[in-house]
Amino acid sequence: MAAAHNPESTADVPEEPVPAMQQLLDNPFLLLFVGVAMPTVLYIVWGVMEIVGIPVAK
């Protein structure tokens, strides 16, 4: 009688590499940095666009 295949057994399953995007999203400090840096950059760009859009006084 053949032994039943146990799906929980990882001895015969090759370990797959972790995808790069998952490694990035698993890093809480990187997520914190992106969550602070992105709004900062966007608000700075928005502010510069607003300042450039002000008409020059004569």
PDB file of N, CA and C in Angstrom:
ATOM      1  N   MET A   1       0.849  -1.180   0.000  1.00  0.00           N
ATOM      2  CA  MET A   1       0.000   0.000   0.000  1.00  0.00           C
ATOM      3  C   MET A   1       0.894   1.242   0.000  1.00  0.00           C
ATOM      4  N   ALA A   2       0.603   2.163  -0.903  1.00  0.00           N
ATOM      5  CA  ALA A   2       1.403   3.377  -1.027  1.00  0.00           C
ATOM      6  C   ALA A   2       1.038   4.354   0.092  1.00  0.00           C
ATOM      7  N   ALA A   3       2.019   5.103   0.491  1.00  0.00           N
ATOM      8  CA  ALA A   3       1.785   6.089   1.543  1.00  0.00           C
ATOM      9  C   ALA A   3       0.984   7.251   0.965  1.00  0.00           C
ATOM     10  N   ALA A   4       0.046   7.741   1.758  1.00  0.00           N
ATOM     11  CA  ALA A   4      -0.784   8.868   1.311  1.00  0.00           C
ATOM     12  C   ALA A   4       0.062  10.139   1.300  1.00  0.00           C
ATOM     13  N   HIS A   5      -0.158  10.967   0.293  1.00  0.00           N
ATOM     14  CA  HIS A   5       0.577  12.223   0.188  1.00  0.00           C
ATOM     15  C   HIS A   5       0.021  13.216   1.194  1.00  0.00           C
ATOM     16  N   ASN A   6       0.880  13.733   2.036  1.00  0.00           N
ATOM     17  CA  ASN A   6       0.482  14.706   3.045  1.00  0.00           C
ATOM     18  C   ASN A   6       0.775  16.106   2.508  1.00  0.00           C
ATOM     19  N   PRO A   7      -0.246  16.927   2.211  1.00  0.00           N
ATOM     20  CA  PRO A   7       0.008  18.256   1.649  1.00  0.00           C
ATOM     21  C   PRO A   7       0.736  19.188   2.617  1.00  0.00           C
ATOM     22  N   GLU A   8       0.705  18.868   3.906  1.00  0.00           N
ATOM     23  CA  GLU A   8       1.389  19.715   4.884  1.00  0.00           C
ATOM     24  C   GLU A   8       2.877  19.425   4.937  1.00  0.00           C
ATOM     25  N   SER A   9       3.309  18.353   4.326  1.00  0.00           N
ATOM     26  CA  SER A   9       4.724  18.006   4.336  1.00  0.00           C
ATOM     27  C   SER A   9       5.474  18.913   3.365  1.00  0.00           C
ATOM     28  N   THR A  10       6.480  19.591   3.862  1.00  0.00           N
ATOM     29  CA  THR A  10       7.246  20.510   3.015  1.00  0.00           C
ATOM     30  C   THR A  10       8.613  19.931   2.667  1.00  0.00           C
ATOM     31  N   ALA A  11       8.836  18.666   2.987  1.00  0.00           N
ATOM     32  CA  ALA A  11      10.140  18.067   2.724  1.00  0.00           C
ATOM     33  C   ALA A  11      10.393  17.911   1.232  1.00  0.00           C
ATOM     34  N   ASP A  12       9.350  17.617   0.455  1.00  0.00           N
ATOM     35  CA  ASP A  12       9.546  17.396  -0.967  1.00  0.00           C
ATOM     36  C   ASP A  12       9.138  18.599  -1.816  1.00  0.00           C
ATOM     37  N   VAL A  13       8.731  19.697  -1.176  1.00  0.00           N
ATOM     38  CA  VAL A  13       8.314  20.886  -1.910  1.00  0.00           C
ATOM     39  C   VAL A  13       9.469  21.885  -1.900  1.00  0.00           C
ATOM     40  N   PRO A  14       9.958  22.283  -3.076  1.00  0.00           N
ATOM     41  CA  PRO A  14      11.037  23.281  -3.097  1.00  0.00           C
ATOM     42  C   PRO A  14      10.530  24.638  -2.610  1.00  0.00           C
ATOM     43  N   GLU A  15      11.346  25.314  -1.818  1.00  0.00           N
ATOM     44  CA  GLU A  15      10.940  26.597  -1.261  1.00  0.00           C
ATOM     45  C   GLU A  15      11.045  27.662  -2.340  1.00  0.00           C
ATOM     46  N   GLU A  16       9.927  28.378  -2.583  1.00  0.00           N
ATOM     47  CA  GLU A  16       9.906  29.403  -3.613  1.00  0.00           C
ATOM     48  C   GLU A  16      10.482  30.700  -3.053  1.00  0.00           C
ATOM     49  N   PRO A  17      11.180  31.461  -3.884  1.00  0.00           N
ATOM     50  CA  PRO A  17      11.702  32.752  -3.409  1.00  0.00           C
ATOM     51  C   PRO A  17      10.553  33.733  -3.167  1.00  0.00           C
ATOM     52  N   VAL A  18      10.743  34.593  -2.179  1.00  0.00           N
ATOM     53  CA  VAL A  18       9.722  35.587  -1.850  1.00  0.00           C
ATOM     54  C   VAL A  18       9.787  36.690  -2.913  1.00  0.00           C
ATOM     55  N   PRO A  19       8.648  37.048  -3.507  1.00  0.00           N
ATOM     56  CA  PRO A  19       8.651  38.110  -4.530  1.00  0.00           C
ATOM     57  C   PRO A  19       9.156  39.437  -3.959  1.00  0.00           C
ATOM     58  N   ALA A  20       9.770  40.234  -4.826  1.00  0.00           N
ATOM     59  CA  ALA A  20      10.373  41.499  -4.394  1.00  0.00           C
ATOM     60  C   ALA A  20       9.312  42.449  -3.831  1.00  0.00           C
ATOM     61  N   MET A  21       8.144  42.521  -4.486  1.00  0.00           N
ATOM     62  CA  MET A  21       7.101  43.435  -4.016  1.00  0.00           C
ATOM     63  C   MET A  21       6.603  43.022  -2.634  1.00  0.00           C
ATOM     64  N   GLN A  22       6.534  41.721  -2.364  1.00  0.00           N
ATOM     65  CA  GLN A  22       6.100  41.264  -1.042  1.00  0.00           C
ATOM     66  C   GLN A  22       7.147  41.623   0.006  1.00  0.00           C
ATOM     67  N   GLN A  23       8.418  41.536  -0.342  1.00  0.00           N
ATOM     68  CA  GLN A  23       9.472  41.913   0.604  1.00  0.00           C
ATOM     69  C   GLN A  23       9.361  43.392   0.952  1.00  0.00           C
ATOM     70  N   LEU A  24       9.060  44.235  -0.062  1.00  0.00           N
ATOM     71  CA  LEU A  24       8.909  45.663   0.203  1.00  0.00           C
ATOM     72  C   LEU A  24       7.705  45.938   1.088  1.00  0.00           C
ATOM     73  N   LEU A  25       6.577  45.288   0.793  1.00  0.00           N
ATOM     74  CA  LEU A  25       5.351  45.558   1.541  1.00  0.00           C
ATOM     75  C   LEU A  25       5.359  44.925   2.929  1.00  0.00           C
ATOM     76  N   ASP A  26       6.260  43.985   3.169  1.00  0.00           N
ATOM     77  CA  ASP A  26       6.368  43.377   4.499  1.00  0.00           C
ATOM     78  C   ASP A  26       7.224  44.203   5.444  1.00  0.00           C
ATOM     79  N   ASN A  27       7.865  45.262   4.933  1.00  0.00           N
ATOM     80  CA  ASN A  27       8.748  46.076   5.760  1.00  0.00           C
ATOM     81  C   ASN A  27       7.966  47.271   6.318  1.00  0.00           C
ATOM     82  N   PRO A  28       7.637  47.256   7.626  1.00  0.00           N
ATOM     83  CA  PRO A  28       6.807  48.349   8.177  1.00  0.00           C
ATOM     84  C   PRO A  28       7.524  49.697   8.176  1.00  0.00           C
ATOM     85  N   PHE A  29       8.854  49.709   8.311  1.00  0.00           N
ATOM     86  CA  PHE A  29       9.574  50.981   8.324  1.00  0.00           C
ATOM     87  C   PHE A  29       9.588  51.610   6.935  1.00  0.00           C
ATOM     88  N   LEU A  30       9.684  50.788   5.908  1.00  0.00           N
ATOM     89  CA  LEU A  30       9.611  51.305   4.541  1.00  0.00           C
ATOM     90  C   LEU A  30       8.216  51.866   4.268  1.00  0.00           C
ATOM     91  N   LEU A  31       7.182  51.166   4.738  1.00  0.00           N
ATOM     92  CA  LEU A  31       5.816  51.662   4.558  1.00  0.00           C
ATOM     93  C   LEU A  31       5.622  52.989   5.300  1.00  0.00           C
ATOM     94  N   LEU A  32       6.201  53.106   6.491  1.00  0.00           N
ATOM     95  CA  LEU A  32       6.109  54.358   7.242  1.00  0.00           C
ATOM     96  C   LEU A  32       6.811  55.479   6.483  1.00  0.00           C
ATOM     97  N   PHE A  33       7.998  55.191   5.963  1.00  0.00           N
ATOM     98  CA  PHE A  33       8.741  56.203   5.216  1.00  0.00           C
ATOM     99  C   PHE A  33       7.964  56.653   3.981  1.00  0.00           C
ATOM    100  N   VAL A  34       7.429  55.697   3.232  1.00  0.00           N
ATOM    101  CA  VAL A  34       6.668  56.032   2.027  1.00  0.00           C
ATOM    102  C   VAL A  34       5.406  56.804   2.398  1.00  0.00           C
ATOM    103  N   GLY A  35       4.763  56.421   3.492  1.00  0.00           N
ATOM    104  CA  GLY A  35       3.545  57.098   3.918  1.00  0.00           C
ATOM    105  C   GLY A  35       3.776  58.517   4.384  1.00  0.00           C
ATOM    106  N   VAL A  36       4.985  58.844   4.810  1.00  0.00           N
ATOM    107  CA  VAL A  36       5.309  60.211   5.211  1.00  0.00           C
ATOM    108  C   VAL A  36       5.911  60.980   4.037  1.00  0.00           C
ATOM    109  N   ALA A  37       6.764  60.328   3.268  1.00  0.00           N
ATOM    110  CA  ALA A  37       7.485  61.012   2.192  1.00  0.00           C
ATOM    111  C   ALA A  37       6.576  61.375   1.018  1.00  0.00           C
ATOM    112  N   MET A  38       5.689  60.474   0.635  1.00  0.00           N
ATOM    113  CA  MET A  38       4.845  60.742  -0.535  1.00  0.00           C
ATOM    114  C   MET A  38       3.946  61.963  -0.330  1.00  0.00           C
ATOM    115  N   PRO A  39       3.188  62.081   0.755  1.00  0.00           N
ATOM    116  CA  PRO A  39       2.373  63.295   0.935  1.00  0.00           C
ATOM    117  C   PRO A  39       3.239  64.553   1.040  1.00  0.00           C
ATOM    118  N   THR A  40       4.412  64.444   1.666  1.00  0.00           N
ATOM    119  CA  THR A  40       5.298  65.600   1.789  1.00  0.00           C
ATOM    120  C   THR A  40       5.721  66.099   0.418  1.00  0.00           C
ATOM    121  N   VAL A  41       6.176  65.186  -0.420  1.00  0.00           N
ATOM    122  CA  VAL A  41       6.613  65.564  -1.771  1.00  0.00           C
ATOM    123  C   VAL A  41       5.440  66.125  -2.569  1.00  0.00           C
ATOM    124  N   LEU A  42       4.288  65.487  -2.479  1.00  0.00           N
ATOM    125  CA  LEU A  42       3.131  65.966  -3.238  1.00  0.00           C
ATOM    126  C   LEU A  42       2.692  67.358  -2.791  1.00  0.00           C
ATOM    127  N   TYR A  43       2.699  67.619  -1.485  1.00  0.00           N
ATOM    128  CA  TYR A  43       2.310  68.943  -1.001  1.00  0.00           C
ATOM    129  C   TYR A  43       3.340  69.996  -1.380  1.00  0.00           C
ATOM    130  N   ILE A  44       4.613  69.645  -1.378  1.00  0.00           N
ATOM    131  CA  ILE A  44       5.648  70.597  -1.798  1.00  0.00           C
ATOM    132  C   ILE A  44       5.465  70.945  -3.271  1.00  0.00           C
ATOM    133  N   VAL A  45       5.252  69.921  -4.111  1.00  0.00           N
ATOM    134  CA  VAL A  45       5.038  70.164  -5.544  1.00  0.00           C
ATOM    135  C   VAL A  45       3.777  71.003  -5.746  1.00  0.00           C
ATOM    136  N   TRP A  46       2.719  70.685  -5.027  1.00  0.00           N
ATOM    137  CA  TRP A  46       1.475  71.440  -5.131  1.00  0.00           C
ATOM    138  C   TRP A  46       1.702  72.903  -4.719  1.00  0.00           C
ATOM    139  N   GLY A  47       2.428  73.112  -3.640  1.00  0.00           N
ATOM    140  CA  GLY A  47       2.715  74.477  -3.182  1.00  0.00           C
ATOM    141  C   GLY A  47       3.543  75.258  -4.184  1.00  0.00           C
ATOM    142  N   VAL A  48       4.541  74.610  -4.780  1.00  0.00           N
ATOM    143  CA  VAL A  48       5.357  75.289  -5.791  1.00  0.00           C
ATOM    144  C   VAL A  48       4.494  75.651  -6.996  1.00  0.00           C
ATOM    145  N   MET A  49       3.610  74.758  -7.397  1.00  0.00           N
ATOM    146  CA  MET A  49       2.723  75.057  -8.530  1.00  0.00           C
ATOM    147  C   MET A  49       1.808  76.242  -8.208  1.00  0.00           C
ATOM    148  N   GLU A  50       1.322  76.317  -6.980  1.00  0.00           N
ATOM    149  CA  GLU A  50       0.468  77.438  -6.585  1.00  0.00           C
ATOM    150  C   GLU A  50       1.245  78.749  -6.592  1.00  0.00           C
ATOM    151  N   ILE A  51       2.486  78.731  -6.099  1.00  0.00           N
ATOM    152  CA  ILE A  51       3.303  79.946  -6.054  1.00  0.00           C
ATOM    153  C   ILE A  51       3.634  80.412  -7.467  1.00  0.00           C
ATOM    154  N   VAL A  52       3.956  79.459  -8.352  1.00  0.00           N
ATOM    155  CA  VAL A  52       4.268  79.811  -9.738  1.00  0.00           C
ATOM    156  C   VAL A  52       3.030  80.383 -10.428  1.00  0.00           C
ATOM    157  N   GLY A  53       1.859  79.945 -10.030  1.00  0.00           N
ATOM    158  CA  GLY A  53       0.622  80.405 -10.661  1.00  0.00           C
ATOM    159  C   GLY A  53       0.163  81.781 -10.215  1.00  0.00           C
ATOM    160  N   ILE A  54       0.799  82.370  -9.201  1.00  0.00           N
ATOM    161  CA  ILE A  54       0.398  83.708  -8.743  1.00  0.00           C
ATOM    162  C   ILE A  54       0.857  84.730  -9.781  1.00  0.00           C
ATOM    163  N   PRO A  55      -0.049  85.602 -10.235  1.00  0.00           N
ATOM    164  CA  PRO A  55       0.355  86.603 -11.226  1.00  0.00           C
ATOM    165  C   PRO A  55       1.318  87.621 -10.633  1.00  0.00           C
ATOM    166  N   VAL A  56       2.202  88.109 -11.488  1.00  0.00           N
ATOM    167  CA  VAL A  56       3.197  89.090 -11.054  1.00  0.00           C
ATOM    168  C   VAL A  56       2.532  90.462 -10.926  1.00  0.00           C
ATOM    169  N   ALA A  57       2.785  91.145  -9.814  1.00  0.00           N
ATOM    170  CA  ALA A  57       2.203  92.477  -9.602  1.00  0.00           C
ATOM    171  C   ALA A  57       2.914  93.509 -10.469  1.00  0.00           C
ATOM    172  N   LYS A  58       2.149  94.515 -10.917  1.00  0.00           N
ATOM    173  CA  LYS A  58       2.751  95.579 -11.734  1.00  0.00           C
ATOM    174  C   LYS A  58       2.669  96.911 -11.033  1.00  0.00           C
TER     175      LYS A  58
END
